[in-house]
Amino acid sequence: MNLINKQRESRFRLGELFLETGIVDLSAVSEGLSIARRTSFPIGRVLVMTGWLNDHDINCALEVQTLLREGTIDKSLAKDLLRFAHLNKVDINEAFRLNGLTRTGDNPASRLGKLMLAAGVATEEILVRANRESKRLDLTLGSALVMLRVITPKTLDGALNLQIMLRDRKLTFPEAISFLKEMHERQVSLREVMGDHGKFLRANKMMPRLGEFLVSADIVNANHVLIACEIGTEEDNNIGRVLMDRGHINEGTLTTALKLQEMIVNRVISYRRAVKLMRLSRELNAPIEQILEESVTLDHVFALLRRAGIVPERLVRDVACEIIDFEDTVAEAMLARGYINPVHARMGLACLERIHRGQITETKAAFVLHHCSTHTGRELEMFGRVNWKELCSVEVHQDLLRQ
């Protein structure tokens, strides 16, 4: 047993710990060992005397060394704790707490749990209970903490956003701890806390988050997104895949959402219009390409009806002014408000098909539509009587539409 202890002690020398954590370099350790041999001073004291370390570093290293020799922690964790204590000027107890760790080794498995523990939002006992409830009820840890009324949904949302910012290196772990603690104590949102500290959580309108976009389109609810966000941050998986794995969306919905997200980024469409198209795609169970193609077709039919004088220009201008943030095209807005007669739209679509086949010109199509629309209630009957072959040989001028 004494031999084992000696071997263990020889593996965890202070000089090696400082060297492997990067706190001092090889030349400093070599010089320190040389001086230590000549003076019989401990290596740690020599490194302090030569200015490489201070008493705080030595005390932290001695505590870590003791934990290593007791087998409480492994060498990897020892180096992480010593490095953290050195950089942040805290003792080892604080290093444990700020990293969401415990001395007992019964540490939270999830990143969210570590953040909650580090911020003092939840104790070890509460996390154990929340983990037990999450397994029993098939919940995420965050949902269990909300259910137990340890935190509010607002605090959970903020904590998950902090994890995303940590992942993207937009803030440090100590900052995340400080913000979460303040959110919990004041019962306010992350946006408010960050704003008070001169940091602003700006929503990127040009790159909307997938989860928020799907909620806006009524594809999933906010709770689904919150759970998927928590799972995604724990598993380093994207939220779309998590939502799909949990059965909230299918592959087609995810593909459509990603395409619309890209169109928003490229400024092809506005956010509001993308939301509307997303809903249409889901309701009609059609790919976004088909929805966009039909939208273009409606625009062409509407243009024919305008040319035929069926739709008053003043009404068109009034409706156009009512459209918010390009949510609809003018044609879609006119149709939605009932200003386009479905019968006229049907005739316009039939004319458009003939134009595409090269059978008639736009002017002749507009003439036919204008003529049929003057027979209220009998439009389709008149449209069915049109002699298209004879029309091809007839000269039609735009002026006839004004008569």
Protein backbone atom coordinates (compact mmCIF):
# COMPACT_ATOMS: atom_id res chain seq x y z
CA MET A 1 0.00 0.00 0.00
CA ASN A 2 2.85 2.42 0.83
CA LEU A 3 4.39 1.69 -2.57
CA ILE A 4 1.10 2.51 -4.30
CA ASN A 5 0.79 5.78 -2.38
CA LYS A 6 4.35 6.76 -3.28
CA GLN A 7 3.71 6.04 -6.94
CA ARG A 8 0.50 8.07 -6.82
CA GLU A 9 2.25 11.01 -5.13
CA SER A 10 5.06 10.92 -7.68
CA ARG A 11 2.51 11.21 -10.50
CA PHE A 12 0.95 14.40 -9.15
CA ARG A 13 3.90 16.74 -8.52
CA LEU A 14 3.11 20.47 -8.42
CA GLY A 15 5.60 21.32 -11.14
CA GLU A 16 3.97 18.86 -13.53
CA LEU A 17 0.48 20.19 -12.73
CA PHE A 18 1.48 23.79 -13.43
CA LEU A 19 3.31 22.75 -16.58
CA GLU A 20 0.44 20.65 -17.98
CA THR A 21 -2.13 23.36 -17.30
CA GLY A 22 -0.03 25.88 -19.20
CA ILE A 23 0.28 28.20 -16.20
CA VAL A 24 4.08 28.03 -16.43
CA ASP A 25 6.35 26.84 -19.25
CA LEU A 26 9.07 24.21 -19.33
CA SER A 27 11.92 26.69 -18.89
CA ALA A 28 10.34 28.03 -15.68
CA VAL A 29 9.92 24.54 -14.23
CA SER A 30 13.47 23.53 -15.20
CA GLU A 31 14.90 26.68 -13.63
CA GLY A 32 12.75 26.22 -10.54
CA LEU A 33 13.84 22.59 -10.08
CA SER A 34 17.48 23.62 -10.39
CA ILE A 35 17.08 26.28 -7.71
CA ALA A 36 15.05 23.92 -5.51
CA ARG A 37 17.84 21.31 -5.56
CA ARG A 38 20.47 23.90 -4.56
CA THR A 39 18.40 25.58 -1.86
CA SER A 40 16.24 22.66 -0.64
CA PHE A 41 13.17 24.89 -1.08
CA PRO A 42 9.92 23.31 -2.36
CA ILE A 43 9.37 23.85 -6.10
CA GLY A 44 6.18 25.78 -5.44
CA ARG A 45 7.94 28.28 -3.15
CA VAL A 46 10.71 28.75 -5.75
CA LEU A 47 8.19 29.51 -8.50
CA VAL A 48 6.58 32.13 -6.23
CA MET A 49 9.96 33.67 -5.36
CA THR A 50 10.93 33.88 -9.04
CA GLY A 51 7.62 35.59 -9.91
CA TRP A 52 6.05 32.83 -11.99
CA LEU A 53 3.28 32.13 -9.48
CA ASN A 54 1.66 33.66 -6.41
CA ASP A 55 0.47 32.22 -3.10
CA HIS A 56 -3.07 31.85 -4.43
CA ASP A 57 -1.84 29.55 -7.24
CA ILE A 58 0.15 27.43 -4.78
CA ASN A 59 -2.80 27.03 -2.39
CA CYS A 60 -5.08 25.99 -5.25
CA ALA A 61 -2.50 23.54 -6.60
CA LEU A 62 -1.99 21.96 -3.17
CA GLU A 63 -5.75 21.48 -2.77
CA VAL A 64 -6.05 19.95 -6.24
CA GLN A 65 -3.04 17.72 -5.51
CA THR A 66 -4.76 16.45 -2.35
CA LEU A 67 -7.99 15.70 -4.22
CA LEU A 68 -5.99 13.83 -6.84
CA ARG A 69 -4.16 11.71 -4.31
CA GLU A 70 -7.43 10.94 -2.52
CA GLY A 71 -8.90 9.79 -5.83
CA THR A 72 -11.76 12.31 -5.58
CA ILE A 73 -11.04 13.77 -9.04
CA ASP A 74 -9.06 12.64 -12.06
CA LYS A 75 -6.10 14.45 -13.58
CA SER A 76 -8.10 15.95 -16.43
CA LEU A 77 -10.56 17.62 -14.04
CA ALA A 78 -7.69 18.66 -11.77
CA LYS A 79 -6.01 20.54 -14.60
CA ASP A 80 -9.30 22.19 -15.62
CA LEU A 81 -10.01 23.35 -12.07
CA LEU A 82 -6.48 24.65 -11.50
CA ARG A 83 -6.47 26.50 -14.80
CA PHE A 84 -9.90 28.02 -14.09
CA ALA A 85 -8.86 29.10 -10.57
CA HIS A 86 -5.68 30.72 -11.93
CA LEU A 87 -7.41 32.61 -14.76
CA ASN A 88 -10.41 33.77 -12.74
CA LYS A 89 -8.61 34.38 -9.43
CA VAL A 90 -10.95 32.15 -7.41
CA ASP A 91 -10.30 29.32 -4.95
CA ILE A 92 -10.94 25.66 -5.78
CA ASN A 93 -14.29 25.59 -4.00
CA GLU A 94 -15.46 28.46 -6.17
CA ALA A 95 -13.98 26.79 -9.26
CA PHE A 96 -16.11 23.74 -8.49
CA ARG A 97 -19.24 25.85 -8.07
CA LEU A 98 -18.71 28.08 -11.09
CA ASN A 99 -18.26 25.01 -13.28
CA GLY A 100 -21.42 23.40 -11.96
CA LEU A 101 -19.46 20.62 -10.22
CA THR A 102 -19.51 19.06 -6.78
CA ARG A 103 -16.74 17.56 -4.67
CA THR A 104 -18.75 14.38 -4.17
CA GLY A 105 -18.41 13.48 -7.83
CA ASP A 106 -22.22 13.31 -8.19
CA ASN A 107 -22.22 16.01 -10.84
CA PRO A 108 -25.12 17.06 -13.08
CA ALA A 109 -24.92 15.19 -16.36
CA SER A 110 -26.56 17.97 -18.37
CA ARG A 111 -25.10 21.33 -19.32
CA LEU A 112 -28.27 23.03 -18.15
CA GLY A 113 -27.93 21.36 -14.75
CA LYS A 114 -24.33 22.56 -14.42
CA LEU A 115 -25.36 26.11 -15.29
CA MET A 116 -28.25 26.04 -12.81
CA LEU A 117 -25.98 24.69 -10.07
CA ALA A 118 -23.21 27.17 -10.81
CA ALA A 119 -25.63 30.12 -10.68
CA GLY A 120 -27.14 28.92 -7.40
CA VAL A 121 -30.56 28.62 -9.04
CA ALA A 122 -30.82 24.96 -8.05
CA THR A 123 -29.08 22.94 -5.34
CA GLU A 124 -27.67 19.45 -5.77
CA GLU A 125 -30.70 18.01 -3.97
CA ILE A 126 -33.14 19.85 -6.25
CA LEU A 127 -31.31 18.68 -9.38
CA VAL A 128 -31.40 15.08 -8.15
CA ARG A 129 -35.15 15.39 -7.59
CA ALA A 130 -35.69 17.11 -10.96
CA ASN A 131 -33.70 14.41 -12.75
CA ARG A 132 -35.78 11.74 -11.04
CA GLU A 133 -39.03 13.46 -12.08
CA SER A 134 -37.78 14.00 -15.63
CA LYS A 135 -37.15 10.26 -16.02
CA ARG A 136 -40.44 9.30 -14.39
CA LEU A 137 -42.54 11.65 -16.53
CA ASP A 138 -40.35 11.59 -19.66
CA LEU A 139 -39.55 15.30 -19.41
CA THR A 140 -36.43 17.31 -20.06
CA LEU A 141 -34.57 18.61 -17.01
CA GLY A 142 -35.71 22.16 -17.75
CA SER A 143 -39.36 21.12 -17.98
CA ALA A 144 -39.02 19.22 -14.69
CA LEU A 145 -37.55 22.28 -12.97
CA VAL A 146 -40.45 24.37 -14.25
CA MET A 147 -42.96 21.74 -13.10
CA LEU A 148 -41.37 21.74 -9.63
CA ARG A 149 -41.61 25.56 -9.66
CA VAL A 150 -37.87 25.94 -9.16
CA ILE A 151 -37.72 28.22 -12.19
CA THR A 152 -40.23 29.93 -14.47
CA PRO A 153 -40.58 29.30 -18.23
CA LYS A 154 -39.05 32.75 -18.73
CA THR A 155 -35.95 31.77 -16.75
CA LEU A 156 -35.66 28.48 -18.65
CA ASP A 157 -35.90 30.30 -21.97
CA GLY A 158 -33.15 32.68 -20.86
CA ALA A 159 -30.94 29.82 -19.64
CA LEU A 160 -31.23 28.03 -22.98
CA ASN A 161 -30.37 31.24 -24.82
CA LEU A 162 -27.32 31.61 -22.56
CA GLN A 163 -26.25 28.08 -23.50
CA ILE A 164 -26.53 28.92 -27.18
CA MET A 165 -24.43 32.06 -26.66
CA LEU A 166 -21.87 30.03 -24.73
CA ARG A 167 -21.71 27.56 -27.60
CA ASP A 168 -21.24 30.43 -30.08
CA ARG A 169 -18.64 32.04 -27.76
CA LYS A 170 -20.61 35.25 -27.45
CA LEU A 171 -20.05 35.33 -23.69
CA THR A 172 -18.00 33.59 -21.01
CA PHE A 173 -19.23 31.01 -18.52
CA PRO A 174 -18.87 33.42 -15.55
CA GLU A 175 -20.97 35.98 -17.47
CA ALA A 176 -23.62 33.34 -18.17
CA ILE A 177 -23.71 32.44 -14.47
CA SER A 178 -24.06 36.08 -13.45
CA PHE A 179 -26.88 36.74 -15.94
CA LEU A 180 -28.80 33.60 -14.98
CA LYS A 181 -28.51 34.37 -11.27
CA GLU A 182 -29.81 37.91 -11.81
CA MET A 183 -32.66 36.71 -14.03
CA HIS A 184 -33.75 34.25 -11.38
CA GLU A 185 -33.51 36.68 -8.48
CA ARG A 186 -35.25 39.56 -10.26
CA GLN A 187 -37.70 37.33 -12.20
CA VAL A 188 -37.03 39.21 -15.41
CA SER A 189 -36.08 38.21 -18.94
CA LEU A 190 -32.56 37.72 -20.26
CA ARG A 191 -33.07 40.69 -22.57
CA GLU A 192 -33.71 42.99 -19.58
CA VAL A 193 -30.70 41.71 -17.62
CA MET A 194 -28.31 41.99 -20.55
CA GLY A 195 -29.65 45.44 -21.38
CA ASP A 196 -28.96 46.60 -17.82
CA HIS A 197 -25.35 45.46 -18.27
CA GLY A 198 -24.91 47.21 -21.61
CA LYS A 199 -25.24 44.03 -23.64
CA PHE A 200 -28.14 43.84 -26.05
CA LEU A 201 -29.82 40.65 -27.21
CA ARG A 202 -30.81 41.66 -30.71
CA ALA A 203 -33.09 39.48 -32.78
CA ASN A 204 -31.64 38.96 -36.25
CA LYS A 205 -34.59 39.74 -38.49
CA MET A 206 -32.55 38.80 -41.54
CA MET A 207 -31.86 35.34 -40.10
CA PRO A 208 -34.87 34.33 -38.00
CA ARG A 209 -34.44 31.34 -35.74
CA LEU A 210 -36.03 28.23 -37.11
CA GLY A 211 -38.02 27.52 -33.94
CA GLU A 212 -39.48 31.03 -33.75
CA PHE A 213 -40.35 30.89 -37.45
CA LEU A 214 -42.22 27.58 -37.05
CA VAL A 215 -44.12 28.97 -34.04
CA SER A 216 -45.11 32.09 -36.01
CA ALA A 217 -46.45 29.84 -38.78
CA ASP A 218 -48.46 27.79 -36.22
CA ILE A 219 -46.58 24.63 -37.20
CA VAL A 220 -45.45 23.88 -33.63
CA ASN A 221 -46.10 25.51 -30.27
CA ALA A 222 -43.60 27.40 -28.14
CA ASN A 223 -43.30 24.57 -25.63
CA HIS A 224 -42.25 22.11 -28.34
CA VAL A 225 -39.54 24.53 -29.42
CA LEU A 226 -38.35 25.10 -25.85
CA ILE A 227 -37.98 21.35 -25.26
CA ALA A 228 -36.28 20.84 -28.64
CA CYS A 229 -33.91 23.71 -27.88
CA GLU A 230 -32.90 22.13 -24.57
CA ILE A 231 -32.36 18.71 -26.17
CA GLY A 232 -30.45 20.29 -29.06
CA THR A 233 -28.05 22.18 -26.80
CA GLU A 234 -27.39 19.06 -24.75
CA GLU A 235 -26.83 16.79 -27.76
CA ASP A 236 -25.21 19.38 -30.07
CA ASN A 237 -28.03 18.74 -32.51
CA ASN A 238 -29.94 21.34 -34.54
CA ILE A 239 -33.46 22.18 -33.44
CA GLY A 240 -35.06 21.18 -36.75
CA ARG A 241 -33.76 17.62 -36.49
CA VAL A 242 -34.87 17.38 -32.86
CA LEU A 243 -38.40 18.53 -33.75
CA MET A 244 -38.48 15.98 -36.56
CA ASP A 245 -37.17 13.15 -34.34
CA ARG A 246 -39.90 13.93 -31.81
CA GLY A 247 -42.61 13.78 -34.50
CA HIS A 248 -43.61 17.46 -34.44
CA ILE A 249 -42.65 18.08 -38.08
CA ASN A 250 -41.74 15.91 -41.06
CA GLU A 251 -38.86 16.08 -43.52
CA GLY A 252 -40.92 18.08 -46.03
CA THR A 253 -41.89 20.72 -43.46
CA LEU A 254 -38.28 21.08 -42.33
CA THR A 255 -37.06 21.41 -45.93
CA THR A 256 -39.69 24.05 -46.68
CA ALA A 257 -38.87 26.02 -43.54
CA LEU A 258 -35.13 26.01 -44.34
CA LYS A 259 -35.78 27.17 -47.92
CA LEU A 260 -37.99 30.02 -46.72
CA GLN A 261 -35.42 30.93 -44.08
CA GLU A 262 -32.81 31.21 -46.84
CA MET A 263 -35.17 33.34 -48.96
CA ILE A 264 -35.61 35.74 -46.03
CA VAL A 265 -31.82 35.99 -45.61
CA ASN A 266 -31.41 36.70 -49.34
CA ARG A 267 -34.20 39.32 -49.14
CA VAL A 268 -36.30 37.51 -51.70
CA ILE A 269 -39.36 37.69 -49.43
CA SER A 270 -40.25 39.34 -46.14
CA TYR A 271 -40.63 37.48 -42.85
CA ARG A 272 -44.40 37.95 -42.78
CA ARG A 273 -44.78 36.62 -46.31
CA ALA A 274 -42.57 33.64 -45.50
CA VAL A 275 -44.82 32.82 -42.53
CA LYS A 276 -47.90 32.92 -44.75
CA LEU A 277 -46.27 30.71 -47.40
CA MET A 278 -45.19 28.26 -44.69
CA ARG A 279 -48.79 27.96 -43.52
CA LEU A 280 -50.07 27.46 -47.06
CA SER A 281 -47.49 24.77 -47.74
CA ARG A 282 -48.56 22.90 -44.60
CA GLU A 283 -52.32 23.32 -45.19
CA LEU A 284 -52.17 22.29 -48.85
CA ASN A 285 -49.51 19.62 -48.24
CA ALA A 286 -47.63 21.03 -51.21
CA PRO A 287 -43.95 21.86 -51.74
CA ILE A 288 -43.01 25.52 -51.52
CA GLU A 289 -42.03 25.56 -55.19
CA GLN A 290 -45.63 24.73 -56.15
CA ILE A 291 -47.02 27.39 -53.80
CA LEU A 292 -44.71 30.02 -55.28
CA GLU A 293 -45.56 28.93 -58.83
CA GLU A 294 -49.30 29.22 -58.13
CA SER A 295 -48.72 32.64 -56.58
CA VAL A 296 -46.99 33.79 -59.78
CA THR A 297 -49.88 32.35 -61.83
CA LEU A 298 -52.39 34.30 -59.73
CA ASP A 299 -50.39 37.47 -60.36
CA HIS A 300 -50.58 36.86 -64.13
CA VAL A 301 -54.33 36.19 -63.99
CA PHE A 302 -54.80 39.36 -61.94
CA ALA A 303 -52.81 41.34 -64.52
CA LEU A 304 -55.15 40.04 -67.25
CA LEU A 305 -58.23 41.05 -65.26
CA ARG A 306 -56.80 44.53 -64.74
CA ARG A 307 -56.05 44.84 -68.43
CA ALA A 308 -59.62 43.77 -69.17
CA GLY A 309 -60.84 46.60 -66.94
CA ILE A 310 -62.68 44.18 -64.64
CA VAL A 311 -60.80 45.33 -61.52
CA PRO A 312 -61.05 49.08 -60.76
CA GLU A 313 -57.62 50.70 -60.50
CA ARG A 314 -58.63 52.84 -57.56
CA LEU A 315 -59.60 49.70 -55.62
CA VAL A 316 -56.24 48.13 -56.49
CA ARG A 317 -54.38 51.17 -55.10
CA ASP A 318 -56.44 51.16 -51.89
CA VAL A 319 -55.82 47.47 -51.24
CA ALA A 320 -52.11 47.82 -52.01
CA CYS A 321 -51.85 50.48 -49.30
CA GLU A 322 -53.36 48.09 -46.76
CA ILE A 323 -50.75 45.36 -47.27
CA ILE A 324 -48.35 45.15 -44.31
CA ASP A 325 -44.68 44.33 -44.80
CA PHE A 326 -45.34 42.68 -48.22
CA GLU A 327 -47.22 39.86 -46.47
CA ASP A 328 -49.32 39.35 -49.63
CA THR A 329 -49.04 40.21 -53.27
CA VAL A 330 -51.73 42.65 -54.44
CA ALA A 331 -53.44 39.77 -56.26
CA GLU A 332 -53.54 37.61 -53.11
CA ALA A 333 -54.85 40.53 -51.04
CA MET A 334 -57.58 41.28 -53.61
CA LEU A 335 -58.64 37.62 -53.71
CA ALA A 336 -58.59 37.29 -49.90
CA ARG A 337 -60.77 40.40 -49.52
CA GLY A 338 -63.30 39.10 -52.05
CA TYR A 339 -62.59 41.78 -54.64
CA ILE A 340 -61.81 39.23 -57.36
CA ASN A 341 -64.79 37.26 -58.59
CA PRO A 342 -63.84 33.54 -58.55
CA VAL A 343 -65.66 33.14 -61.89
CA HIS A 344 -63.53 35.89 -63.42
CA ALA A 345 -60.40 34.28 -61.96
CA ARG A 346 -61.39 30.93 -63.47
CA MET A 347 -61.87 32.50 -66.91
CA GLY A 348 -58.59 34.38 -66.54
CA LEU A 349 -56.74 31.14 -65.77
CA ALA A 350 -58.23 29.49 -68.90
CA CYS A 351 -57.14 32.46 -70.99
CA LEU A 352 -53.65 32.36 -69.49
CA GLU A 353 -53.27 28.72 -70.53
CA ARG A 354 -54.20 29.62 -74.12
CA ILE A 355 -51.71 32.47 -74.09
CA HIS A 356 -48.96 30.10 -72.93
CA ARG A 357 -49.85 27.72 -75.76
CA GLY A 358 -49.59 30.59 -78.22
CA GLN A 359 -53.28 30.37 -79.28
CA ILE A 360 -54.21 33.97 -78.44
CA THR A 361 -52.51 37.23 -77.49
CA GLU A 362 -52.92 39.02 -74.17
CA THR A 363 -54.94 41.75 -75.87
CA LYS A 364 -57.44 39.24 -77.27
CA ALA A 365 -57.63 37.45 -73.91
CA ALA A 366 -58.37 40.75 -72.18
CA PHE A 367 -61.05 41.52 -74.79
CA VAL A 368 -62.77 38.15 -74.18
CA LEU A 369 -62.70 38.65 -70.40
CA HIS A 370 -64.05 42.17 -70.69
CA HIS A 371 -66.86 41.07 -73.00
CA CYS A 372 -67.91 38.11 -70.80
CA SER A 373 -67.80 40.12 -67.56
CA THR A 374 -70.44 42.54 -68.87
CA HIS A 375 -72.99 39.71 -68.80
CA THR A 376 -73.47 39.48 -65.05
CA GLY A 377 -74.51 36.03 -63.94
CA ARG A 378 -73.89 34.57 -67.39
CA GLU A 379 -70.12 35.03 -67.57
CA LEU A 380 -69.24 31.34 -67.89
CA GLU A 381 -72.01 30.79 -70.40
CA MET A 382 -70.65 33.59 -72.60
CA PHE A 383 -67.11 32.36 -72.12
CA GLY A 384 -68.18 28.89 -73.30
CA ARG A 385 -69.57 30.39 -76.51
CA VAL A 386 -66.30 32.03 -77.57
CA ASN A 387 -65.16 30.83 -81.00
CA TRP A 388 -61.43 30.70 -80.39
CA LYS A 389 -60.54 29.77 -83.99
CA GLU A 390 -62.46 32.71 -85.35
CA LEU A 391 -60.97 34.97 -82.69
CA CYS A 392 -57.50 34.18 -84.04
CA SER A 393 -58.38 35.86 -87.36
CA VAL A 394 -60.05 38.90 -85.81
CA GLU A 395 -58.07 42.08 -85.21
CA VAL A 396 -58.61 43.37 -81.67
CA HIS A 397 -57.33 46.74 -80.49
CA GLN A 398 -56.77 47.76 -76.88
CA ASP A 399 -59.10 50.68 -77.45
CA LEU A 400 -62.06 48.27 -77.62
CA LEU A 401 -61.59 47.51 -73.92
CA ARG A 402 -62.41 51.10 -73.03
CA GLN A 403 -65.79 51.00 -74.74
